[in-house]
Protein backbone atom coordinates (compact mmCIF):
# COMPACT_ATOMS: atom_id res chain seq x y z
CA UNK A 1 197.76 97.34 1.24
CA UNK A 2 195.82 100.29 -0.42
CA UNK A 3 196.45 101.39 -3.94
CA UNK A 4 196.69 105.01 -5.07
CA UNK A 5 196.02 106.55 -8.23
CA UNK A 6 198.78 106.23 -10.82
CA UNK A 7 200.45 109.51 -11.81
CA UNK A 8 200.52 109.86 -15.70
CA UNK A 9 202.67 112.42 -17.12
CA UNK A 10 201.95 113.85 -20.68
CA UNK A 11 205.08 114.92 -22.72
CA UNK A 12 205.99 115.63 -26.29
CA UNK A 13 206.72 118.40 -28.75
CA UNK A 14 205.48 122.00 -28.40
CA UNK A 15 201.98 122.45 -29.92
CA UNK A 16 201.44 118.65 -30.42
CA UNK A 17 198.28 119.10 -28.29
CA UNK A 18 199.22 117.93 -24.51
CA UNK A 19 197.00 120.21 -22.88
CA UNK A 20 194.36 119.88 -25.59
CA UNK A 21 194.28 116.35 -25.15
CA UNK A 22 193.61 116.49 -21.46
CA UNK A 23 190.87 119.36 -21.95
CA UNK A 24 189.20 116.83 -24.06
CA UNK A 25 189.17 114.16 -21.59
CA UNK A 26 188.16 116.64 -18.79
CA UNK A 27 185.81 118.74 -20.88
CA UNK A 28 187.88 121.79 -19.80
CA UNK A 29 189.67 124.69 -21.81
CA UNK A 30 192.63 125.10 -19.71
CA UNK A 31 194.82 125.54 -23.10
CA UNK A 32 193.06 128.88 -23.67
CA UNK A 33 194.29 130.23 -20.53
CA UNK A 34 197.70 129.69 -21.11
CA UNK A 35 200.09 132.40 -22.36
CA UNK A 36 200.39 132.10 -26.17
CA UNK A 37 198.12 128.94 -25.59
CA UNK A 38 201.58 127.09 -24.47
CA UNK A 39 201.99 125.45 -21.09
CA UNK A 40 204.62 127.09 -18.99
CA UNK A 41 204.16 124.98 -15.90
CA UNK A 42 203.53 121.66 -14.89
CA UNK A 43 199.82 121.19 -13.66
CA UNK A 44 197.86 118.54 -12.32
CA UNK A 45 194.31 117.18 -12.62
CA UNK A 46 192.53 114.20 -11.28
CA UNK A 47 190.02 112.15 -13.59
CA UNK A 48 188.08 109.86 -11.41
CA UNK A 49 187.29 106.02 -11.87
CA UNK A 50 183.71 106.75 -12.78
CA UNK A 51 184.89 109.41 -15.68
CA UNK A 52 186.95 106.71 -17.18
CA UNK A 53 184.24 103.86 -16.84
CA UNK A 54 181.80 106.48 -18.70
CA UNK A 55 183.95 107.33 -21.37
CA UNK A 56 185.33 103.65 -21.96
CA UNK A 57 182.16 101.57 -20.93
CA UNK A 58 181.85 99.28 -23.97
CA UNK A 59 185.67 98.95 -24.57
CA UNK A 60 186.20 98.00 -20.94
CA UNK A 61 183.63 95.31 -21.40
CA UNK A 62 185.06 93.95 -24.54
CA UNK A 63 188.49 94.00 -23.00
CA UNK A 64 187.08 92.46 -19.80
CA UNK A 65 188.83 95.13 -17.73
CA UNK A 66 187.42 96.18 -14.37
CA UNK A 67 188.60 99.52 -12.89
CA UNK A 68 190.19 99.02 -9.49
CA UNK A 69 192.19 102.29 -9.15
CA UNK A 70 190.77 105.52 -7.60
CA UNK A 71 191.33 107.24 -10.88
CA UNK A 72 194.19 108.74 -12.94
CA UNK A 73 196.23 111.83 -11.86
CA UNK A 74 197.57 113.49 -14.98
CA UNK A 75 200.41 115.95 -14.89
CA UNK A 76 200.76 118.09 -17.78
CA UNK A 77 204.19 119.39 -18.85
CA UNK A 78 205.54 122.04 -20.91
CA UNK A 79 206.63 120.83 -24.46
CA UNK A 80 209.15 123.46 -25.12
CA UNK A 81 212.94 122.26 -25.19
CA UNK A 82 213.66 124.62 -22.21
CA UNK A 83 211.73 122.50 -20.02
CA UNK A 84 213.87 119.46 -19.80
CA UNK A 85 214.43 119.83 -16.13
CA UNK A 86 210.79 120.22 -15.27
CA UNK A 87 209.88 117.20 -17.50
CA UNK A 88 212.43 115.23 -15.85
CA UNK A 89 210.99 116.24 -12.25
CA UNK A 90 207.65 115.08 -13.45
CA UNK A 91 209.12 111.78 -15.10
CA UNK A 92 210.60 111.20 -11.74
CA UNK A 93 207.48 110.83 -9.93
CA UNK A 94 205.31 109.52 -12.85
CA UNK A 95 204.18 105.98 -13.05
CA UNK A 96 203.14 106.23 -16.41
CA UNK A 97 203.43 108.45 -19.29
CA UNK A 98 201.53 109.48 -22.68
CA UNK A 99 204.06 110.52 -25.42
CA UNK A 100 202.04 112.85 -27.35
CA UNK A 101 202.84 112.94 -30.93
CA UNK A 102 201.04 114.80 -34.05
CA UNK A 103 200.39 111.98 -36.43
CA UNK A 104 200.67 114.31 -39.23
CA UNK A 105 204.05 115.88 -38.15
CA UNK A 106 205.54 112.96 -36.59
CA UNK A 107 208.66 112.99 -34.34
CA UNK A 108 210.05 116.50 -33.52
CA UNK A 109 212.79 117.72 -31.44
CA UNK A 110 211.01 117.75 -28.19
CA UNK A 111 209.48 114.25 -29.00
CA UNK A 112 213.12 112.87 -29.15
CA UNK A 113 214.07 114.85 -25.99
CA UNK A 114 211.12 113.51 -24.20
CA UNK A 115 211.53 110.02 -25.37
CA UNK A 116 215.27 110.19 -24.02
CA UNK A 117 213.90 111.08 -20.70
CA UNK A 118 211.16 108.54 -20.59
CA UNK A 119 214.00 105.94 -21.44
CA UNK A 120 216.48 107.30 -18.80
CA UNK A 121 213.74 107.15 -16.14
CA UNK A 122 212.38 103.87 -17.42
CA UNK A 123 208.90 105.20 -17.37
CA UNK A 124 206.39 102.76 -19.16
CA UNK A 125 204.35 104.87 -21.88
CA UNK A 126 201.83 104.66 -24.54
CA UNK A 127 201.91 106.96 -27.66
CA UNK A 128 198.84 109.26 -28.16
CA UNK A 129 198.96 109.93 -31.99
CA UNK A 130 196.87 113.03 -31.96
CA UNK A 131 194.98 114.85 -34.58
CA UNK A 132 193.56 111.97 -36.64
CA UNK A 133 190.60 114.15 -37.50
CA UNK A 134 193.35 116.43 -39.86
CA UNK A 135 194.09 113.44 -42.05
CA UNK A 136 192.58 114.04 -45.48
CA UNK A 137 188.97 112.24 -45.82
CA UNK A 138 188.76 111.55 -42.12
CA UNK A 139 184.87 111.65 -41.24
CA UNK A 140 183.92 112.58 -37.83
CA UNK A 141 181.95 109.83 -35.81
CA UNK A 142 179.84 110.43 -32.80
CA UNK A 143 181.64 108.19 -30.54
CA UNK A 144 184.84 108.43 -28.11
CA UNK A 145 186.03 104.72 -29.48
CA UNK A 146 188.75 104.89 -32.17
CA UNK A 147 187.76 101.24 -33.07
CA UNK A 148 184.30 102.07 -33.92
CA UNK A 149 185.21 105.20 -35.76
CA UNK A 150 187.90 103.72 -38.00
CA UNK A 151 185.51 100.70 -38.94
CA UNK A 152 183.49 103.55 -40.54
CA UNK A 153 186.28 105.29 -42.63
CA UNK A 154 186.88 104.52 -46.20
CA UNK A 155 189.96 102.54 -47.34
CA UNK A 156 192.15 105.39 -48.51
CA UNK A 157 191.73 107.12 -45.01
CA UNK A 158 192.81 103.66 -43.40
CA UNK A 159 195.77 103.43 -45.53
CA UNK A 160 196.94 106.90 -44.78
CA UNK A 161 196.37 106.41 -41.19
CA UNK A 162 198.48 102.92 -41.18
CA UNK A 163 201.10 105.01 -43.40
CA UNK A 164 201.30 107.64 -40.41
CA UNK A 165 201.67 105.14 -37.73
CA UNK A 166 204.36 103.32 -39.19
CA UNK A 167 206.38 106.28 -39.48
CA UNK A 168 205.92 106.41 -35.62
CA UNK A 169 206.71 102.93 -35.38
CA UNK A 170 209.90 103.41 -37.47
CA UNK A 171 211.10 106.55 -35.19
CA UNK A 172 210.36 104.41 -32.03
CA UNK A 173 212.41 101.61 -33.54
CA UNK A 174 215.52 103.90 -33.68
CA UNK A 175 215.40 104.02 -29.80
CA UNK A 176 215.13 100.22 -29.68
CA UNK A 177 211.56 100.24 -28.99
CA UNK A 178 208.91 97.85 -30.64
CA UNK A 179 205.86 99.19 -31.31
CA UNK A 180 202.18 98.75 -32.92
CA UNK A 181 198.86 100.08 -32.93
CA UNK A 182 197.26 99.19 -29.85
CA UNK A 183 194.69 96.73 -31.09
CA UNK A 184 197.58 94.87 -32.84
CA UNK A 185 199.73 94.69 -29.69
CA UNK A 186 200.39 91.14 -28.81
CA UNK A 187 202.31 91.74 -25.60
CA UNK A 188 202.08 95.00 -23.65
CA UNK A 189 205.20 94.36 -21.53
CA UNK A 190 207.16 94.08 -25.09
CA UNK A 191 205.50 96.47 -27.14
CA UNK A 192 204.58 100.17 -26.99
CA UNK A 193 201.01 100.79 -27.81
CA UNK A 194 200.07 103.42 -30.37
CA UNK A 195 196.55 105.04 -29.74
CA UNK A 196 195.18 107.30 -32.43
CA UNK A 197 193.04 109.95 -30.91
CA UNK A 198 191.55 113.34 -31.78
CA UNK A 199 191.22 115.92 -29.09
CA UNK A 200 188.59 117.81 -31.06
CA UNK A 201 186.35 114.93 -31.84
CA UNK A 202 187.11 112.88 -28.51
CA UNK A 203 187.71 109.62 -31.28
CA UNK A 204 190.17 107.28 -29.47
CA UNK A 205 189.70 108.83 -25.99
CA UNK A 206 187.92 105.50 -24.55
CA UNK A 207 191.05 103.23 -25.64
CA UNK A 208 193.73 105.54 -24.35
CA UNK A 209 192.04 105.81 -20.81
CA UNK A 210 191.12 102.02 -20.92
CA UNK A 211 194.98 101.17 -21.63
CA UNK A 212 196.38 103.34 -19.09
CA UNK A 213 194.04 102.05 -16.39
CA UNK A 214 194.75 98.36 -17.65
CA UNK A 215 198.49 98.83 -17.54
CA UNK A 216 198.55 100.47 -14.15
CA UNK A 217 196.42 97.70 -12.73
CA UNK A 218 198.24 94.74 -14.41
CA UNK A 219 201.95 95.66 -14.53
CA UNK A 220 202.11 98.42 -11.74
CA UNK A 221 200.26 97.15 -8.67
CA UNK A 222 203.47 96.93 -6.63
CA UNK A 223 204.56 100.51 -7.55
CA UNK A 224 201.20 102.41 -6.71
CA UNK A 225 200.66 100.79 -3.20
CA UNK A 226 201.14 103.40 -0.47
CA UNK A 227 204.53 103.58 1.03
CA UNK A 228 203.28 104.89 4.33
CA UNK A 229 205.46 108.10 3.65
CA UNK A 230 203.88 111.29 2.82
CA UNK A 231 205.68 112.95 -0.10
CA UNK A 232 204.83 115.75 -2.61
CA UNK A 233 206.17 118.46 -4.73
CA UNK A 234 204.88 122.10 -4.91
CA UNK A 235 203.44 123.26 -8.16
CA UNK A 236 202.74 126.91 -7.22
CA UNK A 237 202.74 129.25 -4.19
CA UNK A 238 199.53 131.30 -4.45
CA UNK A 239 198.02 134.10 -2.57
CA UNK A 240 194.26 133.52 -2.15
CA UNK A 241 191.87 136.03 -0.73
CA UNK A 242 190.68 135.06 2.72
CA UNK A 243 193.30 132.22 3.20
CA UNK A 244 196.49 134.13 2.62
CA UNK A 245 199.59 132.23 0.84
CA UNK A 246 198.81 128.81 -0.13
CA UNK A 247 200.52 125.69 -1.87
CA UNK A 248 199.22 123.91 -4.84
CA UNK A 249 200.85 120.48 -4.08
CA UNK A 250 201.14 117.17 -6.25
CA UNK A 251 200.91 114.61 -3.28
CA UNK A 252 202.52 111.61 -4.99
CA UNK A 253 202.75 109.03 -2.08
CA UNK A 254 200.91 108.81 1.31
CA UNK A 255 198.35 110.73 2.76
CA UNK A 256 198.14 114.56 4.04
CA UNK A 257 195.96 115.52 6.83
CA UNK A 258 194.93 118.65 8.57
CA UNK A 259 197.15 119.59 11.64
CA UNK A 260 200.06 117.31 10.30
CA UNK A 261 203.54 118.77 10.22
CA UNK A 262 204.40 120.04 7.00
CA UNK A 263 208.31 120.17 6.03
CA UNK A 264 209.08 122.18 2.93
CA UNK A 265 212.54 121.95 1.06
CA UNK A 266 214.75 124.84 0.21
CA UNK A 267 217.90 126.20 1.24
CA UNK A 268 216.34 126.88 4.66
CA UNK A 269 213.49 124.26 5.11
CA UNK A 270 210.26 125.45 6.41
CA UNK A 271 208.51 123.63 9.11
CA UNK A 272 204.82 124.62 9.64
CA UNK A 273 201.47 122.88 10.30
CA UNK A 274 198.64 122.16 7.57
CA UNK A 275 195.62 124.25 8.70
CA UNK A 276 193.39 123.38 5.67
CA UNK A 277 193.28 121.12 2.48
CA UNK A 278 191.38 122.15 -0.32
CA UNK A 279 190.96 119.76 -3.22
CA UNK A 280 189.92 120.71 -6.72
CA UNK A 281 186.70 119.39 -8.26
CA UNK A 282 187.06 116.11 -10.19
CA UNK A 283 188.45 117.01 -13.65
CA UNK A 284 189.23 120.41 -12.89
CA UNK A 285 192.98 121.71 -13.26
CA UNK A 286 194.47 122.89 -9.88
CA UNK A 287 196.21 125.79 -11.50
CA UNK A 288 192.83 127.44 -12.88
CA UNK A 289 190.43 125.92 -10.36
CA UNK A 290 188.04 128.48 -8.32
CA UNK A 291 185.89 126.47 -6.29
CA UNK A 292 187.34 124.00 -4.05
CA UNK A 293 186.26 121.39 -1.85
CA UNK A 294 187.41 121.61 1.92
CA UNK A 295 188.63 118.11 3.05
CA UNK A 296 190.22 116.71 6.31
CA UNK A 297 192.42 114.42 4.39
CA UNK A 298 194.08 113.76 1.05
CA UNK A 299 195.17 110.61 -0.31
CA UNK A 300 197.82 110.37 -3.23
CA UNK A 301 198.12 110.56 -6.02
CA UNK A 302 196.37 114.11 -6.17
CA UNK A 303 196.61 117.82 -6.56
CA UNK A 304 195.70 119.61 -3.54
CA UNK A 305 195.75 123.02 -2.30
CA UNK A 306 197.44 123.50 1.16
CA UNK A 307 196.81 126.19 3.73
CA UNK A 308 199.31 126.93 6.25
CA UNK A 309 201.30 129.72 8.08
CA UNK A 310 204.87 130.77 7.35
CA UNK A 311 204.85 130.05 3.72
CA UNK A 312 206.55 133.44 2.60
CA UNK A 313 209.72 131.61 1.71
CA UNK A 314 208.30 128.22 0.15
CA UNK A 315 208.89 127.88 -3.60
CA UNK A 316 207.38 126.14 -6.53
CA UNK A 317 209.48 122.89 -7.41
CA UNK A 318 210.22 122.33 -3.73
CA UNK A 319 209.57 118.89 -2.26
CA UNK A 320 207.49 118.40 0.95
CA UNK A 321 207.17 115.95 3.54
CA UNK A 322 204.54 115.45 6.35
CA UNK A 323 204.23 113.70 9.70
CA UNK A 324 202.20 113.44 12.64
CA UNK A 325 205.12 112.64 14.68
CA UNK A 326 207.11 115.85 15.94
CA UNK A 327 210.19 113.62 16.47
CA UNK A 328 210.51 112.81 12.74
CA UNK A 329 210.94 116.57 11.83
CA UNK A 330 214.80 116.78 11.95
CA UNK A 331 215.17 113.73 9.80
CA UNK A 332 212.60 114.97 7.26
CA UNK A 333 214.19 118.54 7.26
CA UNK A 334 217.46 117.08 6.40
CA UNK A 335 215.70 114.88 3.47
CA UNK A 336 214.46 118.06 1.74
CA UNK A 337 217.03 120.44 2.23
CA UNK A 338 218.61 121.92 -0.84
CA UNK A 339 221.88 123.51 -1.14
CA UNK A 340 221.53 125.24 -4.51
CA UNK A 341 218.71 125.99 -6.50
CA UNK A 342 220.45 125.50 -9.96
CA UNK A 343 223.99 124.88 -11.19
CA UNK A 344 225.45 127.54 -13.32
CA UNK A 345 228.91 128.92 -14.05
CA UNK A 346 229.02 132.27 -12.46
CA UNK A 347 230.28 135.04 -14.78
CA UNK A 348 230.95 138.70 -13.23
CA UNK A 349 229.81 140.17 -16.33
CA UNK A 350 226.79 137.95 -16.87
CA UNK A 351 223.04 138.73 -16.72
CA UNK A 352 220.92 138.39 -13.66
CA UNK A 353 217.84 135.96 -14.00
CA UNK A 354 214.84 135.78 -11.75
CA UNK A 355 212.04 133.19 -12.17
CA UNK A 356 208.98 132.12 -10.31
CA UNK A 357 209.86 128.47 -9.78
CA UNK A 358 212.93 126.30 -9.57
CA UNK A 359 212.04 124.51 -12.74
CA UNK A 360 211.59 127.83 -14.66
CA UNK A 361 214.98 128.89 -13.29
CA UNK A 362 216.60 125.73 -14.65
CA UNK A 363 214.94 126.01 -17.93
CA UNK A 364 216.18 129.64 -18.10
CA UNK A 365 219.74 128.72 -16.93
CA UNK A 366 219.72 126.03 -19.88
CA UNK A 367 218.25 128.34 -22.43
CA UNK A 368 220.96 131.11 -21.77
CA UNK A 369 223.74 128.37 -21.84
CA UNK A 370 222.73 127.26 -25.19
CA UNK A 371 222.60 130.89 -26.37
CA UNK A 372 226.18 131.68 -24.91
CA UNK A 373 224.87 134.41 -22.66
CA UNK A 374 226.67 134.33 -19.26
CA UNK A 375 224.88 134.54 -15.89
CA UNK A 376 225.98 136.44 -13.13
CA UNK A 377 223.19 135.55 -10.55
CA UNK A 378 220.04 133.12 -10.94
CA UNK A 379 217.43 133.27 -8.30
CA UNK A 380 213.80 132.58 -7.37
CA UNK A 381 211.19 135.17 -6.40
CA UNK A 382 210.56 138.97 -7.14
CA UNK A 383 212.85 141.48 -8.20
CA UNK A 384 214.49 143.23 -5.31
CA UNK A 385 217.22 145.77 -4.18
CA UNK A 386 219.89 143.18 -3.77
CA UNK A 387 219.55 142.37 -7.46
CA UNK A 388 220.00 146.17 -8.34
CA UNK A 389 223.26 146.29 -6.17
CA UNK A 390 224.37 143.06 -7.93
CA UNK A 391 223.49 144.30 -11.48
CA UNK A 392 225.36 147.64 -10.69
CA UNK A 393 228.52 145.91 -10.63
CA UNK A 394 228.12 144.46 -14.12
CA UNK A 395 230.67 146.03 -16.55
CA UNK A 396 229.35 144.86 -19.86
CA UNK A 397 226.69 147.11 -20.75
CA UNK A 398 224.85 144.68 -22.83
CA UNK A 399 224.54 142.49 -19.75
CA UNK A 400 223.36 145.05 -17.32
CA UNK A 401 219.95 143.52 -17.63
CA UNK A 402 217.39 141.39 -15.53
CA UNK A 403 215.50 138.65 -17.15
CA UNK A 404 212.56 138.01 -15.29
CA UNK A 405 210.39 135.02 -16.15
CA UNK A 406 206.60 134.96 -14.95
CA UNK A 407 207.33 137.43 -12.37
CA UNK A 408 204.98 140.58 -11.70
CA UNK A 409 207.24 143.69 -12.73
CA UNK A 410 205.65 147.18 -12.13
CA UNK A 411 206.85 150.54 -13.13
CA UNK A 412 208.28 151.22 -9.84
CA UNK A 413 210.52 148.25 -10.28
CA UNK A 414 211.46 149.17 -13.79
CA UNK A 415 212.17 152.86 -12.84
CA UNK A 416 214.26 152.01 -10.02
CA UNK A 417 216.12 149.42 -12.01
CA UNK A 418 217.08 152.36 -14.56
CA UNK A 419 218.49 154.26 -11.46
CA UNK A 420 220.88 151.53 -11.22
CA UNK A 421 221.70 151.63 -14.99
CA UNK A 422 219.78 148.34 -15.38
CA UNK A 423 216.89 147.24 -17.92
CA UNK A 424 214.38 144.71 -17.21
CA UNK A 425 213.03 142.31 -19.66
CA UNK A 426 209.92 140.19 -18.53
CA UNK A 427 207.55 137.81 -20.08
CA UNK A 428 205.55 134.84 -19.12
CA UNK A 429 206.54 132.85 -22.14
CA UNK A 430 210.07 131.79 -21.72
CA UNK A 431 211.57 131.77 -25.00
CA UNK A 432 209.95 135.18 -26.05
CA UNK A 433 211.82 136.65 -23.05
CA UNK A 434 215.30 135.12 -24.46
CA UNK A 435 214.46 136.49 -27.82
CA UNK A 436 213.28 139.68 -26.87
CA UNK A 437 216.66 140.19 -25.00
CA UNK A 438 218.61 139.17 -27.88
CA UNK A 439 216.91 141.34 -30.09
CA UNK A 440 217.55 144.16 -28.01
CA UNK A 441 221.24 143.63 -27.62
CA UNK A 442 221.47 143.15 -31.52
CA UNK A 443 219.49 146.57 -32.12
CA UNK A 444 221.75 148.30 -29.46
CA UNK A 445 224.85 147.03 -30.99
CA UNK A 446 223.89 147.83 -34.44
CA UNK A 447 222.83 151.31 -33.20
CA UNK A 448 226.38 151.73 -31.63
CA UNK A 449 227.93 150.45 -34.87
CA UNK A 450 226.09 152.49 -37.06
CA UNK A 451 226.96 155.44 -34.85
CA UNK A 452 230.70 154.55 -35.34
CA UNK A 453 230.39 153.82 -39.19
CA UNK A 454 228.96 157.41 -39.65
CA UNK A 455 232.19 158.95 -38.58
CA UNK A 456 234.54 156.38 -40.15
CA UNK A 457 235.94 156.76 -43.67
CA UNK A 458 234.56 153.88 -45.75
CA UNK A 459 236.23 151.86 -48.45
CA UNK A 460 235.02 153.12 -51.82
CA UNK A 461 235.87 152.37 -55.58
CA UNK A 462 234.51 154.77 -58.26
CA UNK A 463 234.74 155.00 -62.00
CA UNK A 464 234.95 158.53 -63.65
CA UNK A 465 232.33 158.73 -66.24
CA UNK A 466 233.23 159.79 -69.70
CA UNK A 467 231.65 162.83 -71.05
CA UNK A 468 230.59 163.90 -67.46
CA UNK A 469 233.03 166.50 -66.58
CA UNK A 470 231.25 169.42 -65.46
CA UNK A 471 234.34 171.45 -63.96
CA UNK A 472 237.96 170.86 -64.58
CA UNK A 473 239.40 172.32 -61.22
CA UNK A 474 238.91 174.69 -58.34
CA UNK A 475 236.96 172.40 -57.40
CA UNK A 476 236.96 169.67 -60.17
CA UNK A 477 233.29 168.54 -60.60
CA UNK A 478 232.62 165.30 -62.48
CA UNK A 479 230.29 162.26 -62.57
CA UNK A 480 231.18 159.02 -61.13
CA UNK A 481 229.77 155.58 -60.98
CA UNK A 482 230.13 153.77 -57.54
CA UNK A 483 231.65 150.40 -58.22
CA UNK A 484 231.98 149.28 -54.52
CA UNK A 485 231.84 150.52 -51.12
CA UNK A 486 230.50 153.73 -49.66
CA UNK A 487 231.40 157.09 -51.04
CA UNK A 488 231.01 159.80 -48.18
CA UNK A 489 232.54 163.54 -48.05
CA UNK A 490 235.79 163.67 -46.47
CA UNK A 491 237.30 160.51 -48.15
CA UNK A 492 240.68 160.93 -49.57
CA UNK A 493 240.63 159.27 -53.11
CA UNK A 494 243.86 157.99 -54.79
CA UNK A 495 244.60 156.89 -58.44
CA UNK A 496 247.46 154.40 -59.03
CA UNK A 497 248.43 155.02 -55.37
CA UNK A 498 248.84 158.74 -55.88
CA UNK A 499 246.44 160.86 -53.96
CA UNK A 500 244.40 163.14 -55.95
CA UNK A 501 242.33 165.06 -53.16
CA UNK A 502 239.64 164.87 -50.60
CA UNK A 503 235.90 164.40 -51.64
CA UNK A 504 234.23 167.83 -50.75
CA UNK A 505 230.64 167.30 -51.75
CA UNK A 506 228.43 164.64 -53.28
CA UNK A 507 225.26 165.52 -55.47
CA UNK A 508 222.37 163.59 -56.92
CA UNK A 509 219.93 165.33 -59.49
CA UNK A 510 221.15 168.42 -58.12
CA UNK A 511 220.76 167.81 -54.47
CA UNK A 512 223.50 167.28 -52.07
CA UNK A 513 223.56 164.07 -50.40
CA UNK A 514 225.28 162.46 -47.44
CA UNK A 515 226.61 159.42 -49.03
CA UNK A 516 226.36 157.23 -52.10
CA UNK A 517 226.60 153.35 -52.42
CA UNK A 518 227.43 150.58 -54.78
CA UNK A 519 225.38 151.00 -58.07
CA UNK A 520 224.62 154.70 -57.63
CA UNK A 521 225.72 157.32 -60.13
CA UNK A 522 226.47 160.93 -58.66
CA UNK A 523 228.37 163.94 -59.20
CA UNK A 524 231.32 164.85 -56.86
CA UNK A 525 233.55 167.91 -56.18
CA UNK A 526 237.41 167.69 -55.15
CA UNK A 527 239.22 170.85 -54.58
CA UNK A 528 242.67 169.37 -55.11
CA UNK A 529 241.88 167.52 -58.41
CA UNK A 530 242.48 168.81 -61.99
CA UNK A 531 240.92 167.01 -64.88
CA UNK A 532 243.34 166.02 -67.34
CA UNK A 533 246.39 166.29 -64.97
CA UNK A 534 245.76 164.04 -62.08
CA UNK A 535 242.22 162.64 -62.90
CA UNK A 536 240.78 161.43 -66.20
CA UNK A 537 237.86 159.91 -67.70
CA UNK A 538 237.14 156.15 -67.13
CA UNK A 539 239.95 156.45 -64.18
CA UNK A 540 239.26 154.18 -61.31
CA UNK A 541 239.58 155.78 -57.89
CA UNK A 542 240.05 154.26 -54.67
CA UNK A 543 239.75 155.41 -51.03
CA UNK A 544 243.00 156.14 -49.23
CA UNK A 545 242.49 154.43 -45.72
CA UNK A 546 245.18 154.96 -42.87
CA UNK A 547 246.14 151.91 -40.92
CA UNK A 548 244.21 153.28 -37.96
CA UNK A 549 241.09 153.58 -40.15
CA UNK A 550 241.34 150.20 -41.53
CA UNK A 551 241.92 148.84 -37.79
CA UNK A 552 238.77 150.64 -36.70
CA UNK A 553 236.83 149.20 -39.77
CA UNK A 554 237.81 145.57 -38.91
CA UNK A 555 236.45 145.93 -35.69
CA UNK A 556 232.93 146.55 -37.28
CA UNK A 557 233.59 144.22 -40.09
CA UNK A 558 230.52 141.96 -39.40
CA UNK A 559 228.38 145.20 -40.09
CA UNK A 560 230.00 146.11 -43.17
CA UNK A 561 228.05 145.29 -46.66
CA UNK A 562 229.53 142.39 -48.54
CA UNK A 563 231.12 144.76 -51.16
CA UNK A 564 232.64 146.80 -48.46
CA UNK A 565 234.37 143.82 -46.88
CA UNK A 566 235.68 142.65 -50.33
CA UNK A 567 237.27 146.00 -50.85
CA UNK A 568 238.48 146.44 -47.31
CA UNK A 569 240.40 143.09 -47.59
CA UNK A 570 241.52 144.40 -51.16
CA UNK A 571 242.85 147.82 -49.60
CA UNK A 572 244.03 146.79 -46.25
CA UNK A 573 244.87 143.01 -46.74
CA UNK A 574 243.93 140.61 -43.97
């Protein structure tokens, strides 16, 4: 029975170098094409047998490994926490994994999360301990072999490297994994191999590829045999000039040929026929490839562009099946039917979210749940009139928004949304989208609170300055120190629970000012006050607040300054 190319998934913490590592193997620059240089979608690229042999020739000879597999299909996943669902989907079809760890930073949040997923799905993995070139004193060697390079480093560098490796060993031990540097591994079935690499200098790439190929051939032969069924998952739905809508697909089992019946999953599965199959050139990432090779048949595991009709409702993240036998179609339709894109608790006053793929939508739902932001509607595809009608029903003005991830939003859509009282936030970096919305919400709330605070009397405590009596009465004018709170015109002041009058005006250095806060020294005028009768030098005066004023101030308590909070509690109790 034929064996297919093993599927290798790269997982790990954001910015630990997953895509850069693949770029180093492929000699490409996919990282530079990503928004914010962070991977937002799963991508696939095929590394043929010959490339593995060329990069690892001497090492393969030493290890007596002969490459039998057609090559390795690498799946690159987002490292950000929100993409658990996407990583889980990737792991579910992965044969092997590379857990990428920055050797200088060690395990981080998403490293732990990725390891949890790998353990849950029982995916065999190796550690790529990246960025060894950043170890102090490391001297770059003109080789792709780590073993050759390390033999030329000084003792201090070797010691430092080992120290960092054993930090990774310790972190893995917490999960019950025994691990060791790859060349010290006694049994690959019981120990996790740690391969130190540099994506910049390519040192260690030879060992990484050789170990992946060796593990696949020795321990996964049964798993990578063709099952006879054609299975895949849609990476992306793309409009291509001259071809119309196309599907970027990871074919992870079986074969796909021209004129095959293609069954695409979803709420309403699509049945169509394959018109053309286009393969990216070897080492090219399917998401960014421009020159494809037209083929009659594609064999798993591979990333392939599929040309077919009736793809308007096809969605990234959907499963695909294929058959030559028309009678099998009803069974395959049931196999790929999806009742709901994502599970979430619907809130009538929640936000509306739209995303380009199922994985992105799931990630967005996860982030919003963590941020305690309720959701009214979650769907994939472009923003449409149905979303506006749905959004118009939202009562909470801070939730009358549409969060759009990786969807084109033009001026016309933005203006139409405004007509329904909706604001659209869009971004192609998922966590920035959430952050932007949260910032806007905070600013809107603060602006509203500040407007309320402008008209509300504020708690204040002042002291009459000795020798600063400028006028005794009608109105009394005297200097004060603001001890706590905010002094504003219109505030009623009292002394020992007796009201002395209302502040008419506040001046500083001869200029009338709207308010004075703690620490400031100003002059005030009070029409009803008489110095020497109801107000005296060194008197402590406090604002008189009604019960209604106190209740209104408590509503905006979090937006008061700390001295105001303290004074409000003193004046109005709890």
